[in-house]
Amino acid sequence: MSAVPFLMVIEDSPEDFASLQRAARKINLKVHLELFEDGDSALDYLLDHGQDRAAWPQFILLDLNLPGTDGREVLHELKAHPHLRSIPVLVLTTSTNPRDIGDSYRHGANCYLAKPVRFEEMVHMLRLIQAFWLGTVVLPTRDPAPARHLSV
């Protein structure tokens, strides 16, 4: 696939998103980062663009503390929906509460990351994400229709 990967960022802090963008530029990360400032707009987008492969994110960076539908509910909705559950979700939040961490994994998060405090830590984290999620992992593509399993 030659297209630039689309990473959906569900984050209500413009400052945190700007820091993520600066870190991405610093490491020359070739991705399209798109900001969704609340859970409702992100879910609406995914449900409206379900058949558009070009608009399908390779993975989602999800903050837990969001206005409206918070990140916990977004995660639950994503993993409960048959057409959305295959999108990898990386929780990226300030919370290091063991309950949030456990609940996130129980609801299907693919990983849980504490937001870096310093910019250099953000750069390091993005390098790791780039190496693993964009350089090593084979990510799912959006199929127009789910595969059917035949019994033999």
N, C-alpha and C. Protein backbone atom coordinates (compact mmCIF):
# COMPACT_ATOMS: atom_id res chain seq x y z
N MET A 1 0.85 -1.17 0.00
CA MET A 1 0.00 0.00 0.00
C MET A 1 0.89 1.24 0.00
N SER A 2 0.72 2.09 -0.99
CA SER A 2 1.57 3.27 -1.11
C SER A 2 0.96 4.50 -0.46
N ALA A 3 -0.28 4.44 -0.09
CA ALA A 3 -0.94 5.59 0.53
C ALA A 3 -0.34 5.86 1.91
N VAL A 4 -0.40 7.11 2.32
CA VAL A 4 0.07 7.50 3.64
C VAL A 4 -0.90 6.94 4.67
N PRO A 5 -0.40 6.25 5.70
CA PRO A 5 -1.30 5.70 6.72
C PRO A 5 -2.09 6.80 7.43
N PHE A 6 -3.34 6.49 7.69
CA PHE A 6 -4.26 7.40 8.39
C PHE A 6 -4.35 6.94 9.83
N LEU A 7 -3.96 7.83 10.75
CA LEU A 7 -4.07 7.55 12.18
C LEU A 7 -5.11 8.47 12.77
N MET A 8 -6.16 7.89 13.29
CA MET A 8 -7.21 8.66 13.95
C MET A 8 -6.76 8.96 15.37
N VAL A 9 -6.80 10.23 15.73
CA VAL A 9 -6.42 10.65 17.08
C VAL A 9 -7.68 11.21 17.75
N ILE A 10 -8.15 10.52 18.78
CA ILE A 10 -9.34 10.97 19.52
C ILE A 10 -8.83 11.58 20.81
N GLU A 11 -8.79 12.91 20.82
CA GLU A 11 -8.10 13.67 21.85
C GLU A 11 -8.74 15.05 21.98
N ASP A 12 -9.08 15.44 23.21
CA ASP A 12 -9.74 16.74 23.40
C ASP A 12 -8.77 17.88 23.70
N SER A 13 -7.49 17.59 23.82
CA SER A 13 -6.51 18.64 24.12
C SER A 13 -5.78 19.07 22.85
N PRO A 14 -6.04 20.29 22.37
CA PRO A 14 -5.31 20.78 21.19
C PRO A 14 -3.79 20.82 21.45
N GLU A 15 -3.40 21.09 22.69
CA GLU A 15 -1.97 21.14 23.01
C GLU A 15 -1.32 19.77 22.87
N ASP A 16 -2.00 18.73 23.36
CA ASP A 16 -1.46 17.37 23.24
C ASP A 16 -1.39 16.94 21.78
N PHE A 17 -2.39 17.31 20.99
CA PHE A 17 -2.38 16.96 19.57
C PHE A 17 -1.25 17.71 18.86
N ALA A 18 -1.06 18.98 19.18
CA ALA A 18 0.03 19.76 18.57
C ALA A 18 1.38 19.15 18.91
N SER A 19 1.54 18.69 20.15
CA SER A 19 2.79 18.04 20.56
C SER A 19 3.00 16.75 19.76
N LEU A 20 1.94 16.00 19.57
CA LEU A 20 2.02 14.77 18.78
C LEU A 20 2.42 15.10 17.34
N GLN A 21 1.84 16.14 16.77
CA GLN A 21 2.19 16.55 15.40
C GLN A 21 3.66 16.97 15.31
N ARG A 22 4.13 17.76 16.28
CA ARG A 22 5.53 18.20 16.27
C ARG A 22 6.48 17.01 16.38
N ALA A 23 6.14 16.07 17.25
CA ALA A 23 6.97 14.87 17.40
C ALA A 23 6.98 14.06 16.10
N ALA A 24 5.84 13.95 15.44
CA ALA A 24 5.75 13.22 14.18
C ALA A 24 6.63 13.88 13.11
N ARG A 25 6.59 15.22 13.06
CA ARG A 25 7.45 15.93 12.11
C ARG A 25 8.93 15.72 12.44
N LYS A 26 9.26 15.75 13.71
CA LYS A 26 10.66 15.60 14.13
C LYS A 26 11.26 14.27 13.68
N ILE A 27 10.47 13.20 13.72
CA ILE A 27 10.99 11.89 13.32
C ILE A 27 10.64 11.56 11.87
N ASN A 28 10.06 12.54 11.16
CA ASN A 28 9.68 12.37 9.76
C ASN A 28 8.71 11.20 9.58
N LEU A 29 7.75 11.13 10.48
CA LEU A 29 6.72 10.09 10.44
C LEU A 29 5.75 10.41 9.32
N LYS A 30 5.69 9.55 8.34
CA LYS A 30 4.84 9.76 7.16
C LYS A 30 3.45 9.18 7.42
N VAL A 31 2.63 9.95 8.12
CA VAL A 31 1.26 9.55 8.41
C VAL A 31 0.35 10.76 8.29
N HIS A 32 -0.93 10.47 8.12
CA HIS A 32 -1.94 11.52 8.19
C HIS A 32 -2.59 11.40 9.56
N LEU A 33 -2.30 12.38 10.44
CA LEU A 33 -2.93 12.41 11.75
C LEU A 33 -4.19 13.26 11.65
N GLU A 34 -5.31 12.69 12.03
CA GLU A 34 -6.55 13.45 12.00
C GLU A 34 -7.14 13.49 13.39
N LEU A 35 -7.44 14.70 13.84
CA LEU A 35 -7.95 14.92 15.19
C LEU A 35 -9.47 14.86 15.24
N PHE A 36 -9.97 14.12 16.23
CA PHE A 36 -11.38 14.09 16.59
C PHE A 36 -11.43 14.47 18.05
N GLU A 37 -12.09 15.58 18.37
CA GLU A 37 -12.01 16.15 19.72
C GLU A 37 -12.97 15.53 20.73
N ASP A 38 -13.80 14.61 20.28
CA ASP A 38 -14.68 13.91 21.22
C ASP A 38 -15.05 12.55 20.64
N GLY A 39 -15.55 11.70 21.51
CA GLY A 39 -15.89 10.34 21.10
C GLY A 39 -17.03 10.27 20.12
N ASP A 40 -18.00 11.17 20.26
CA ASP A 40 -19.16 11.14 19.36
C ASP A 40 -18.75 11.41 17.91
N SER A 41 -17.90 12.41 17.68
CA SER A 41 -17.49 12.73 16.31
C SER A 41 -16.66 11.60 15.71
N ALA A 42 -15.84 10.94 16.53
CA ALA A 42 -15.04 9.82 16.03
C ALA A 42 -15.93 8.64 15.63
N LEU A 43 -16.88 8.30 16.50
CA LEU A 43 -17.78 7.18 16.17
C LEU A 43 -18.65 7.51 14.96
N ASP A 44 -19.15 8.74 14.88
CA ASP A 44 -19.93 9.15 13.72
C ASP A 44 -19.12 9.00 12.44
N TYR A 45 -17.88 9.45 12.47
CA TYR A 45 -17.00 9.36 11.30
C TYR A 45 -16.83 7.90 10.88
N LEU A 46 -16.51 7.03 11.83
CA LEU A 46 -16.27 5.63 11.50
C LEU A 46 -17.52 4.95 10.95
N LEU A 47 -18.65 5.27 11.51
CA LEU A 47 -19.89 4.66 11.02
C LEU A 47 -20.29 5.21 9.66
N ASP A 48 -20.02 6.50 9.40
CA ASP A 48 -20.36 7.11 8.11
C ASP A 48 -19.41 6.71 7.00
N HIS A 49 -18.14 6.39 7.33
CA HIS A 49 -17.14 6.08 6.32
C HIS A 49 -16.81 4.59 6.28
N GLY A 50 -17.73 3.79 6.74
CA GLY A 50 -17.48 2.36 6.85
C GLY A 50 -17.11 1.65 5.57
N GLN A 51 -17.53 2.16 4.44
CA GLN A 51 -17.23 1.49 3.18
C GLN A 51 -16.13 2.18 2.39
N ASP A 52 -15.59 3.27 2.88
CA ASP A 52 -14.58 4.04 2.18
C ASP A 52 -13.19 3.63 2.68
N ARG A 53 -12.50 2.80 1.90
CA ARG A 53 -11.19 2.30 2.33
C ARG A 53 -10.19 3.41 2.54
N ALA A 54 -10.24 4.45 1.73
CA ALA A 54 -9.27 5.55 1.86
C ALA A 54 -9.44 6.29 3.18
N ALA A 55 -10.64 6.24 3.75
CA ALA A 55 -10.93 6.98 4.97
C ALA A 55 -10.82 6.11 6.22
N TRP A 56 -10.31 4.91 6.07
CA TRP A 56 -10.26 3.97 7.18
C TRP A 56 -8.93 4.08 7.92
N PRO A 57 -8.95 4.32 9.23
CA PRO A 57 -7.68 4.45 9.96
C PRO A 57 -6.95 3.12 10.11
N GLN A 58 -5.61 3.17 10.05
CA GLN A 58 -4.82 1.98 10.30
C GLN A 58 -4.86 1.62 11.78
N PHE A 59 -4.87 2.64 12.63
CA PHE A 59 -5.12 2.44 14.05
C PHE A 59 -5.57 3.74 14.67
N ILE A 60 -6.01 3.63 15.93
CA ILE A 60 -6.58 4.77 16.65
C ILE A 60 -5.77 5.03 17.90
N LEU A 61 -5.42 6.31 18.12
CA LEU A 61 -4.86 6.76 19.39
C LEU A 61 -6.02 7.36 20.16
N LEU A 62 -6.34 6.81 21.32
CA LEU A 62 -7.55 7.16 22.05
C LEU A 62 -7.24 7.66 23.45
N ASP A 63 -7.68 8.88 23.74
CA ASP A 63 -7.62 9.41 25.10
C ASP A 63 -8.85 8.89 25.85
N LEU A 64 -8.72 8.64 27.12
CA LEU A 64 -9.87 8.16 27.90
C LEU A 64 -10.78 9.27 28.36
N ASN A 65 -10.21 10.41 28.73
CA ASN A 65 -10.99 11.50 29.32
C ASN A 65 -11.41 12.48 28.24
N LEU A 66 -12.62 12.27 27.71
CA LEU A 66 -13.15 13.08 26.62
C LEU A 66 -14.49 13.66 27.02
N PRO A 67 -14.85 14.79 26.42
CA PRO A 67 -16.21 15.32 26.65
C PRO A 67 -17.24 14.45 25.92
N GLY A 68 -18.46 14.46 26.39
CA GLY A 68 -19.51 13.65 25.76
C GLY A 68 -19.23 12.18 25.99
N THR A 69 -19.24 11.42 24.92
CA THR A 69 -18.92 10.00 25.01
C THR A 69 -17.43 9.87 25.31
N ASP A 70 -17.09 9.41 26.50
CA ASP A 70 -15.67 9.37 26.87
C ASP A 70 -14.96 8.18 26.21
N GLY A 71 -13.64 8.17 26.36
CA GLY A 71 -12.83 7.16 25.69
C GLY A 71 -13.14 5.74 26.11
N ARG A 72 -13.57 5.56 27.34
CA ARG A 72 -13.91 4.21 27.80
C ARG A 72 -15.10 3.67 27.01
N GLU A 73 -16.10 4.52 26.82
CA GLU A 73 -17.29 4.12 26.05
C GLU A 73 -16.95 3.98 24.57
N VAL A 74 -16.09 4.85 24.05
CA VAL A 74 -15.67 4.72 22.64
C VAL A 74 -15.01 3.37 22.43
N LEU A 75 -14.10 3.00 23.32
CA LEU A 75 -13.44 1.71 23.21
C LEU A 75 -14.45 0.57 23.24
N HIS A 76 -15.39 0.64 24.17
CA HIS A 76 -16.43 -0.39 24.27
C HIS A 76 -17.23 -0.47 22.97
N GLU A 77 -17.63 0.68 22.42
CA GLU A 77 -18.41 0.70 21.17
C GLU A 77 -17.60 0.16 20.00
N LEU A 78 -16.34 0.56 19.90
CA LEU A 78 -15.49 0.08 18.80
C LEU A 78 -15.36 -1.44 18.82
N LYS A 79 -15.10 -1.98 19.98
CA LYS A 79 -14.85 -3.42 20.07
C LYS A 79 -16.14 -4.24 20.05
N ALA A 80 -17.28 -3.60 20.27
CA ALA A 80 -18.57 -4.30 20.20
C ALA A 80 -19.13 -4.30 18.78
N HIS A 81 -18.68 -3.39 17.94
CA HIS A 81 -19.23 -3.25 16.59
C HIS A 81 -18.48 -4.17 15.62
N PRO A 82 -19.19 -5.03 14.89
CA PRO A 82 -18.51 -6.01 14.04
C PRO A 82 -17.62 -5.40 12.95
N HIS A 83 -17.95 -4.21 12.45
CA HIS A 83 -17.16 -3.60 11.39
C HIS A 83 -16.04 -2.71 11.92
N LEU A 84 -16.01 -2.46 13.22
CA LEU A 84 -15.00 -1.58 13.79
C LEU A 84 -14.00 -2.30 14.69
N ARG A 85 -14.36 -3.48 15.17
CA ARG A 85 -13.55 -4.14 16.20
C ARG A 85 -12.14 -4.52 15.75
N SER A 86 -11.91 -4.64 14.44
CA SER A 86 -10.57 -5.04 14.00
C SER A 86 -9.58 -3.87 13.97
N ILE A 87 -10.05 -2.64 14.14
CA ILE A 87 -9.13 -1.50 14.14
C ILE A 87 -8.34 -1.52 15.45
N PRO A 88 -7.02 -1.57 15.38
CA PRO A 88 -6.23 -1.53 16.61
C PRO A 88 -6.41 -0.19 17.34
N VAL A 89 -6.58 -0.29 18.65
CA VAL A 89 -6.76 0.91 19.48
C VAL A 89 -5.64 0.98 20.49
N LEU A 90 -4.90 2.10 20.43
CA LEU A 90 -3.83 2.37 21.37
C LEU A 90 -4.34 3.45 22.31
N VAL A 91 -4.60 3.09 23.54
CA VAL A 91 -5.04 4.08 24.52
C VAL A 91 -3.82 4.93 24.88
N LEU A 92 -3.97 6.25 24.73
CA LEU A 92 -2.92 7.20 25.05
C LEU A 92 -3.53 8.26 25.95
N THR A 93 -3.25 8.16 27.24
CA THR A 93 -3.96 8.97 28.22
C THR A 93 -3.05 9.36 29.38
N THR A 94 -3.49 10.31 30.17
CA THR A 94 -2.72 10.72 31.34
C THR A 94 -2.92 9.77 32.52
N SER A 95 -3.98 9.01 32.51
CA SER A 95 -4.29 8.14 33.65
C SER A 95 -3.34 6.95 33.74
N THR A 96 -2.82 6.75 34.94
CA THR A 96 -2.06 5.53 35.23
C THR A 96 -2.78 4.72 36.30
N ASN A 97 -4.07 4.99 36.45
CA ASN A 97 -4.90 4.29 37.41
C ASN A 97 -5.01 2.81 37.00
N PRO A 98 -4.65 1.89 37.87
CA PRO A 98 -4.72 0.46 37.54
C PRO A 98 -6.11 0.03 37.05
N ARG A 99 -7.15 0.66 37.57
CA ARG A 99 -8.51 0.32 37.12
C ARG A 99 -8.72 0.70 35.66
N ASP A 100 -8.26 1.91 35.26
CA ASP A 100 -8.37 2.33 33.86
C ASP A 100 -7.57 1.40 32.95
N ILE A 101 -6.38 1.04 33.40
CA ILE A 101 -5.53 0.16 32.60
C ILE A 101 -6.21 -1.21 32.42
N GLY A 102 -6.65 -1.81 33.51
CA GLY A 102 -7.30 -3.11 33.45
C GLY A 102 -8.58 -3.08 32.63
N ASP A 103 -9.41 -2.05 32.86
CA ASP A 103 -10.66 -1.93 32.10
C ASP A 103 -10.39 -1.77 30.61
N SER A 104 -9.37 -0.99 30.27
CA SER A 104 -9.05 -0.78 28.85
C SER A 104 -8.68 -2.10 28.18
N TYR A 105 -7.84 -2.87 28.81
CA TYR A 105 -7.47 -4.16 28.22
C TYR A 105 -8.66 -5.12 28.18
N ARG A 106 -9.47 -5.13 29.24
CA ARG A 106 -10.65 -6.00 29.25
C ARG A 106 -11.64 -5.64 28.14
N HIS A 107 -11.67 -4.36 27.76
CA HIS A 107 -12.59 -3.92 26.71
C HIS A 107 -11.94 -3.94 25.33
N GLY A 108 -10.74 -4.50 25.21
CA GLY A 108 -10.17 -4.75 23.90
C GLY A 108 -9.08 -3.81 23.44
N ALA A 109 -8.55 -2.94 24.29
CA ALA A 109 -7.43 -2.09 23.88
C ALA A 109 -6.25 -2.96 23.45
N ASN A 110 -5.58 -2.55 22.41
CA ASN A 110 -4.42 -3.30 21.93
C ASN A 110 -3.16 -2.93 22.69
N CYS A 111 -3.12 -1.73 23.26
CA CYS A 111 -2.06 -1.35 24.18
C CYS A 111 -2.49 -0.11 24.95
N TYR A 112 -1.79 0.14 26.03
CA TYR A 112 -2.12 1.26 26.91
C TYR A 112 -0.84 2.04 27.15
N LEU A 113 -0.85 3.32 26.79
CA LEU A 113 0.32 4.17 26.91
C LEU A 113 -0.01 5.38 27.78
N ALA A 114 0.87 5.68 28.73
CA ALA A 114 0.72 6.91 29.52
C ALA A 114 1.30 8.05 28.70
N LYS A 115 0.57 9.16 28.62
CA LYS A 115 1.05 10.31 27.84
C LYS A 115 2.37 10.79 28.41
N PRO A 116 3.34 10.97 27.54
CA PRO A 116 4.62 11.49 28.00
C PRO A 116 4.49 12.93 28.51
N VAL A 117 5.28 13.26 29.50
CA VAL A 117 5.26 14.60 30.07
C VAL A 117 6.16 15.53 29.26
N ARG A 118 7.34 15.04 28.92
CA ARG A 118 8.31 15.86 28.19
C ARG A 118 8.25 15.56 26.69
N PHE A 119 8.58 16.56 25.89
CA PHE A 119 8.54 16.41 24.43
C PHE A 119 9.47 15.30 23.96
N GLU A 120 10.65 15.19 24.54
CA GLU A 120 11.60 14.15 24.13
C GLU A 120 11.02 12.76 24.36
N GLU A 121 10.21 12.61 25.42
CA GLU A 121 9.56 11.33 25.69
C GLU A 121 8.48 11.04 24.64
N MET A 122 7.80 12.09 24.18
CA MET A 122 6.80 11.92 23.12
C MET A 122 7.48 11.47 21.83
N VAL A 123 8.61 12.07 21.51
CA VAL A 123 9.37 11.68 20.32
C VAL A 123 9.77 10.21 20.42
N HIS A 124 10.30 9.81 21.57
CA HIS A 124 10.71 8.42 21.78
C HIS A 124 9.52 7.47 21.63
N MET A 125 8.39 7.81 22.24
CA MET A 125 7.20 6.97 22.14
C MET A 125 6.75 6.85 20.69
N LEU A 126 6.76 7.95 19.95
CA LEU A 126 6.34 7.88 18.55
C LEU A 126 7.30 7.05 17.71
N ARG A 127 8.58 7.12 18.02
CA ARG A 127 9.54 6.25 17.30
C ARG A 127 9.20 4.78 17.54
N LEU A 128 8.85 4.44 18.77
CA LEU A 128 8.49 3.06 19.08
C LEU A 128 7.19 2.66 18.36
N ILE A 129 6.21 3.56 18.36
CA ILE A 129 4.97 3.29 17.64
C ILE A 129 5.26 3.10 16.16
N GLN A 130 6.10 3.97 15.61
CA GLN A 130 6.45 3.88 14.19
C GLN A 130 7.13 2.53 13.89
N ALA A 131 8.08 2.15 14.72
CA ALA A 131 8.81 0.91 14.48
C ALA A 131 7.91 -0.31 14.60
N PHE A 132 7.07 -0.33 15.62
CA PHE A 132 6.24 -1.51 15.86
C PHE A 132 4.96 -1.50 15.03
N TRP A 133 4.11 -0.46 15.21
CA TRP A 133 2.79 -0.46 14.59
C TRP A 133 2.81 -0.16 13.10
N LEU A 134 3.83 0.57 12.63
CA LEU A 134 3.89 0.89 11.20
C LEU A 134 5.03 0.18 10.48
N GLY A 135 5.95 -0.42 11.25
CA GLY A 135 7.08 -1.06 10.61
C GLY A 135 7.15 -2.56 10.78
N THR A 136 6.46 -3.09 11.77
CA THR A 136 6.54 -4.52 12.07
C THR A 136 5.19 -5.22 11.92
N VAL A 137 4.18 -4.65 12.53
CA VAL A 137 2.84 -5.26 12.56
C VAL A 137 2.19 -5.20 11.18
N VAL A 138 1.50 -6.27 10.81
CA VAL A 138 0.66 -6.25 9.62
C VAL A 138 -0.73 -5.82 10.09
N LEU A 139 -1.13 -4.64 9.68
CA LEU A 139 -2.40 -4.07 10.13
C LEU A 139 -3.54 -4.52 9.23
N PRO A 140 -4.73 -4.61 9.78
CA PRO A 140 -5.87 -5.02 8.96
C PRO A 140 -6.25 -3.92 7.98
N THR A 141 -6.84 -4.35 6.86
CA THR A 141 -7.43 -3.41 5.92
C THR A 141 -8.93 -3.53 6.05
N ARG A 142 -9.61 -2.54 5.60
CA ARG A 142 -11.07 -2.54 5.69
C ARG A 142 -11.65 -3.35 4.56
N ASP A 143 -12.29 -4.45 4.88
CA ASP A 143 -12.99 -5.25 3.88
C ASP A 143 -14.37 -4.65 3.66
N PRO A 144 -14.84 -4.60 2.41
CA PRO A 144 -16.18 -4.06 2.18
C PRO A 144 -17.27 -4.90 2.82
N ALA A 145 -17.03 -6.18 2.99
CA ALA A 145 -18.02 -7.05 3.65
C ALA A 145 -17.25 -8.08 4.46
N PRO A 146 -17.78 -8.42 5.64
CA PRO A 146 -17.08 -9.44 6.44
C PRO A 146 -17.06 -10.79 5.73
N ALA A 147 -15.99 -11.53 5.95
CA ALA A 147 -15.87 -12.85 5.35
C ALA A 147 -16.88 -13.79 5.97
N ARG A 148 -17.36 -14.70 5.18
CA ARG A 148 -18.28 -15.72 5.70
C ARG A 148 -17.50 -17.00 5.92
N HIS A 149 -17.78 -17.64 7.01
CA HIS A 149 -17.13 -18.92 7.32
C HIS A 149 -18.08 -20.04 6.97
N LEU A 150 -17.58 -20.99 6.22
CA LEU A 150 -18.39 -22.12 5.81
C LEU A 150 -18.08 -23.32 6.67
N SER A 151 -19.10 -24.03 7.07
CA SER A 151 -18.90 -25.27 7.82
C SER A 151 -18.72 -26.40 6.83
N VAL A 152 -17.78 -27.27 7.12
CA VAL A 152 -17.52 -28.40 6.23
C VAL A 152 -17.99 -29.66 6.88
